[in-house]
Protein backbone atom coordinates (compact mmCIF):
# COMPACT_ATOMS: atom_id res chain seq x y z
CA UNK A 1 6.16 -1.57 -10.17
CA UNK A 2 3.41 -2.77 -12.50
CA UNK A 3 0.01 -1.19 -11.72
CA UNK A 4 -2.92 -3.42 -12.60
CA UNK A 5 -6.58 -2.49 -12.89
CA UNK A 6 -9.24 -4.31 -10.90
CA UNK A 7 -10.32 -6.00 -14.16
CA UNK A 8 -6.76 -7.24 -14.77
CA UNK A 9 -6.64 -8.64 -11.26
CA UNK A 10 -10.01 -10.39 -11.65
CA UNK A 11 -8.70 -12.12 -14.78
CA UNK A 12 -5.61 -13.31 -12.89
CA UNK A 13 -7.75 -14.47 -9.97
CA UNK A 14 -10.00 -16.53 -12.24
CA UNK A 15 -6.97 -18.33 -13.66
CA UNK A 16 -5.84 -19.45 -10.22
CA UNK A 17 -9.34 -20.31 -9.02
CA UNK A 18 -9.74 -22.58 -12.05
CA UNK A 19 -6.38 -24.20 -11.30
CA UNK A 20 -7.59 -24.81 -7.75
CA UNK A 21 -10.85 -26.32 -8.98
CA UNK A 22 -8.85 -28.73 -11.15
CA UNK A 23 -6.79 -30.12 -8.26
CA UNK A 24 -7.25 -33.90 -7.76
CA UNK A 25 -8.32 -33.28 -4.15
CA UNK A 26 -10.99 -30.82 -5.27
CA UNK A 27 -12.31 -31.48 -8.78
CA UNK A 28 -14.66 -34.37 -7.93
CA UNK A 29 -16.17 -32.69 -4.88
CA UNK A 30 -18.92 -30.15 -4.29
CA UNK A 31 -17.02 -26.90 -3.81
CA UNK A 32 -18.44 -24.36 -1.38
CA UNK A 33 -15.33 -22.38 -0.46
CA UNK A 34 -11.66 -21.91 -1.32
CA UNK A 35 -9.08 -23.47 1.01
CA UNK A 36 -6.21 -20.96 0.73
CA UNK A 37 -3.63 -23.19 2.39
CA UNK A 38 -4.34 -25.95 -0.12
CA UNK A 39 -4.16 -23.44 -2.97
CA UNK A 40 -0.83 -22.03 -1.79
CA UNK A 41 0.71 -25.46 -1.40
CA UNK A 42 -0.73 -27.35 -4.39
CA UNK A 43 -1.25 -24.60 -6.99
CA UNK A 44 1.56 -22.18 -6.12
CA UNK A 45 4.05 -24.67 -4.73
CA UNK A 46 4.63 -22.64 -1.57
CA UNK A 47 5.36 -23.78 1.95
CA UNK A 48 3.16 -22.53 4.80
CA UNK A 49 4.59 -22.21 8.29
CA UNK A 50 3.11 -20.88 11.53
CA UNK A 51 5.19 -18.79 13.95
CA UNK A 52 4.62 -15.96 16.42
CA UNK A 53 5.52 -12.95 14.29
CA UNK A 54 5.28 -10.09 16.80
CA UNK A 55 4.86 -9.41 20.50
CA UNK A 56 1.46 -7.78 20.11
CA UNK A 57 -0.05 -9.79 17.26
CA UNK A 58 0.00 -6.81 14.90
CA UNK A 59 1.88 -8.72 12.18
CA UNK A 60 -0.29 -11.48 10.73
CA UNK A 61 1.83 -12.73 7.85
CA UNK A 62 5.07 -12.33 5.95
CA UNK A 63 6.85 -13.64 2.89
CA UNK A 64 9.85 -12.76 0.75
CA UNK A 65 10.99 -13.28 -2.83
CA UNK A 66 14.53 -14.26 -1.85
CA UNK A 67 16.44 -15.90 0.98
CA UNK A 68 16.61 -13.87 4.17
CA UNK A 69 16.30 -14.27 7.89
CA UNK A 70 13.48 -12.76 9.95
CA UNK A 71 12.82 -12.36 13.63
CA UNK A 72 10.07 -14.48 15.18
CA UNK A 73 9.14 -15.28 18.77
CA UNK A 74 8.90 -18.48 20.78
CA UNK A 75 5.83 -19.30 22.87
CA UNK A 76 7.59 -17.77 25.90
CA UNK A 77 8.23 -14.52 23.92
CA UNK A 78 11.94 -15.17 23.54
CA UNK A 79 13.30 -13.93 20.24
CA UNK A 80 14.12 -16.52 17.59
CA UNK A 81 15.27 -16.60 13.97
CA UNK A 82 13.46 -18.02 10.93
CA UNK A 83 14.99 -18.49 7.50
CA UNK A 84 12.71 -17.46 4.63
CA UNK A 85 13.72 -19.24 1.41
CA UNK A 86 11.74 -17.19 -1.14
CA UNK A 87 8.88 -19.68 -1.38
CA UNK A 88 7.54 -19.77 2.16
CA UNK A 89 4.60 -17.92 3.70
CA UNK A 90 4.73 -17.30 7.44
CA UNK A 91 1.45 -16.84 9.33
CA UNK A 92 0.86 -15.77 12.92
CA UNK A 93 0.63 -18.97 14.95
CA UNK A 94 -2.32 -17.81 17.08
CA UNK A 95 -4.51 -17.62 13.95
CA UNK A 96 -4.20 -21.38 13.51
CA UNK A 97 -5.63 -22.25 16.93
CA UNK A 98 -8.67 -20.00 17.26
CA UNK A 99 -11.67 -20.83 15.06
CA UNK A 100 -12.98 -17.28 15.54
CA UNK A 101 -9.91 -16.03 13.64
CA UNK A 102 -10.42 -18.34 10.66
CA UNK A 103 -11.34 -15.48 8.34
CA UNK A 104 -8.28 -13.46 9.32
CA UNK A 105 -6.04 -16.50 8.86
CA UNK A 106 -7.46 -17.27 5.40
CA UNK A 107 -7.14 -13.68 4.18
CA UNK A 108 -3.58 -13.48 5.49
CA UNK A 109 -2.64 -16.66 3.61
CA UNK A 110 -4.18 -15.39 0.39
CA UNK A 111 -2.66 -11.91 0.74
CA UNK A 112 0.85 -13.30 1.10
CA UNK A 113 0.19 -15.85 -1.64
CA UNK A 114 -0.85 -12.99 -3.92
CA UNK A 115 2.54 -11.32 -3.50
CA UNK A 116 4.10 -14.54 -4.70
CA UNK A 117 1.68 -14.77 -7.65
CA UNK A 118 2.65 -11.30 -8.84
CA UNK A 119 6.31 -12.26 -8.57
CA UNK A 120 5.69 -15.40 -10.68
CA UNK A 121 3.68 -13.55 -13.33
CA UNK A 122 5.77 -10.38 -13.54
CA UNK A 123 9.34 -11.30 -12.64
CA UNK A 124 10.74 -8.12 -14.19
CA UNK A 125 8.53 -5.97 -11.97
CA UNK A 126 8.44 -8.13 -8.84
CA UNK A 127 11.60 -10.18 -9.25
CA UNK A 128 14.50 -10.11 -6.82
CA UNK A 129 16.31 -6.79 -7.04
CA UNK A 130 17.97 -4.61 -4.47
CA UNK A 131 14.61 -2.93 -3.91
CA UNK A 132 12.51 -6.10 -3.73
CA UNK A 133 14.89 -8.01 -1.45
CA UNK A 134 12.72 -7.36 1.55
CA UNK A 135 10.00 -8.95 3.62
CA UNK A 136 6.36 -8.36 2.70
CA UNK A 137 4.37 -7.95 5.90
CA UNK A 138 0.61 -8.24 6.28
CA UNK A 139 -0.75 -6.36 9.29
CA UNK A 140 -4.04 -6.47 11.19
CA UNK A 141 -7.02 -4.68 9.59
CA UNK A 142 -5.17 -4.16 6.30
CA UNK A 143 -8.16 -5.49 4.33
CA UNK A 144 -10.36 -2.57 5.33
CA UNK A 145 -11.64 -0.39 2.50
CA UNK A 146 -9.62 2.82 2.47
CA UNK A 147 -7.79 5.09 0.00
CA UNK A 148 -4.88 3.46 -1.83
CA UNK A 149 -1.58 4.47 -0.23
CA UNK A 150 0.51 1.48 -1.32
CA UNK A 151 -0.27 0.02 -4.77
CA UNK A 152 1.63 -3.19 -4.13
CA UNK A 153 -0.34 -3.92 -0.96
CA UNK A 154 -3.62 -2.85 -2.58
CA UNK A 155 -3.03 -5.24 -5.47
CA UNK A 156 -2.21 -8.10 -3.08
CA UNK A 157 -5.37 -7.37 -1.07
CA UNK A 158 -7.51 -7.18 -4.21
CA UNK A 159 -6.14 -10.38 -5.73
CA UNK A 160 -6.36 -12.18 -2.41
CA UNK A 161 -10.02 -11.27 -2.01
CA UNK A 162 -10.86 -12.19 -5.60
CA UNK A 163 -9.32 -15.66 -5.22
CA UNK A 164 -10.66 -16.33 -1.73
CA UNK A 165 -14.14 -15.08 -2.64
CA UNK A 166 -14.99 -15.89 -6.27
CA UNK A 167 -18.27 -14.41 -7.48
CA UNK A 168 -19.86 -17.79 -8.25
CA UNK A 169 -19.17 -19.15 -4.76
CA UNK A 170 -20.56 -16.00 -3.13
CA UNK A 171 -23.75 -16.25 -5.21
CA UNK A 172 -24.03 -19.93 -4.40
CA UNK A 173 -23.71 -19.11 -0.71
CA UNK A 174 -26.26 -16.32 -0.95
CA UNK A 175 -28.73 -18.81 -2.39
CA UNK A 176 -27.98 -21.38 0.32
CA UNK A 177 -28.48 -18.77 3.06
CA UNK A 178 -31.62 -17.25 1.49
CA UNK A 179 -30.06 -13.83 0.89
CA UNK A 180 -31.54 -13.38 -2.57
CA UNK A 181 -29.64 -11.92 -5.50
CA UNK A 182 -28.57 -8.74 -3.69
CA UNK A 183 -28.50 -7.36 -0.15
CA UNK A 184 -29.90 -3.85 -0.07
CA UNK A 185 -28.86 -2.98 3.47
CA UNK A 186 -26.63 -4.79 5.94
CA UNK A 187 -27.29 -3.59 9.48
CA UNK A 188 -27.46 -5.78 12.59
CA UNK A 189 -29.77 -3.38 14.45
CA UNK A 190 -32.40 -2.61 11.84
CA UNK A 191 -32.17 -5.74 9.68
CA UNK A 192 -31.09 -8.44 12.16
CA UNK A 193 -32.40 -11.38 10.14
CA UNK A 194 -30.40 -10.42 7.05
CA UNK A 195 -27.36 -9.65 9.19
CA UNK A 196 -27.54 -13.06 10.90
CA UNK A 197 -27.66 -14.88 7.55
CA UNK A 198 -24.81 -12.73 6.21
CA UNK A 199 -22.75 -13.52 9.32
CA UNK A 200 -23.36 -17.23 8.74
CA UNK A 201 -22.37 -16.84 5.09
CA UNK A 202 -19.06 -15.20 6.00
CA UNK A 203 -18.26 -18.05 8.37
CA UNK A 204 -19.33 -20.58 5.72
CA UNK A 205 -16.99 -19.02 3.14
CA UNK A 206 -14.14 -18.78 5.65
CA UNK A 207 -13.72 -15.01 5.69
CA UNK A 208 -14.40 -12.02 7.91
CA UNK A 209 -17.65 -10.09 7.62
CA UNK A 210 -15.73 -6.97 6.58
CA UNK A 211 -13.81 -8.75 3.82
CA UNK A 212 -17.01 -10.30 2.48
CA UNK A 213 -18.89 -6.98 2.58
CA UNK A 214 -16.12 -5.19 0.66
CA UNK A 215 -16.01 -7.95 -1.95
CA UNK A 216 -19.81 -8.06 -2.35
CA UNK A 217 -19.98 -4.28 -2.81
CA UNK A 218 -17.34 -4.52 -5.52
CA UNK A 219 -19.42 -7.19 -7.28
CA UNK A 220 -22.68 -5.25 -6.94
CA UNK A 221 -24.15 -7.85 -4.56
CA UNK A 222 -24.42 -5.46 -1.60
CA UNK A 223 -25.69 -1.90 -1.74
CA UNK A 224 -25.12 -0.51 1.75
CA UNK A 225 -23.37 -1.87 4.83
CA UNK A 226 -23.16 -0.53 8.38
CA UNK A 227 -20.79 -3.03 10.01
CA UNK A 228 -18.76 -0.26 11.63
CA UNK A 229 -21.65 1.97 12.69
CA UNK A 230 -25.06 0.21 12.86
CA UNK A 231 -26.56 3.16 14.77
CA UNK A 232 -26.08 5.60 11.89
CA UNK A 233 -29.75 6.63 11.91
CA UNK A 234 -29.30 9.63 9.64
CA UNK A 235 -27.92 7.46 6.87
CA UNK A 236 -30.20 4.47 7.43
CA UNK A 237 -33.35 6.55 7.81
CA UNK A 238 -32.91 9.89 5.96
CA UNK A 239 -35.34 12.72 6.44
CA UNK A 240 -38.53 12.43 4.43
CA UNK A 241 -37.61 15.57 2.49
CA UNK A 242 -34.48 13.86 1.28
CA UNK A 243 -36.24 10.80 -0.08
């Protein structure tokens, strides 16, 4: 499998963002955010379908590079069968009907679309072989920042975030929401005003707060974030002797 650097992935992302910006439905409008479903369908030529993918909602998306059947579930939890044709992205149906899950839906779409991008760009590495003839699953909380254990999934996450959250659109949003050029500390307990504006920005861009925080830290637009543990007093307020 081809291993790409973050810089390589940013270059690829920019190419597809520019292709999205040039779409007839987009190019003559004021662009505030990326619509991943439009990008998948119009730029990548993929089909997007919504099905229940698991009993417990743990599987958010799936795609494949070749034809194969996968198990899905009806609304009454009865098992069903869906035929993946190599150019379809399946997304958990519940994500399409709950506005609070918009960020998770958008990241899932872009993650699965990124697998397909890598297959288009590097057919010798990602093309259909005995090894690659499988389903690529995207599971809940996979976008969280953690050590790389699966390069293929890391690359799909990184490309998905770079396309969904281009630097220029984040900076534009930061200006619109009066967040300045950089957020020094993101903490809902100790800096509630900044946190509230950041929360609104994430919703405006169509992503989760965690995905936006990870992306902004990568771009140098966010120094510290305490989304998981806002009561971390030792870190937020170190001892005077440590300052």
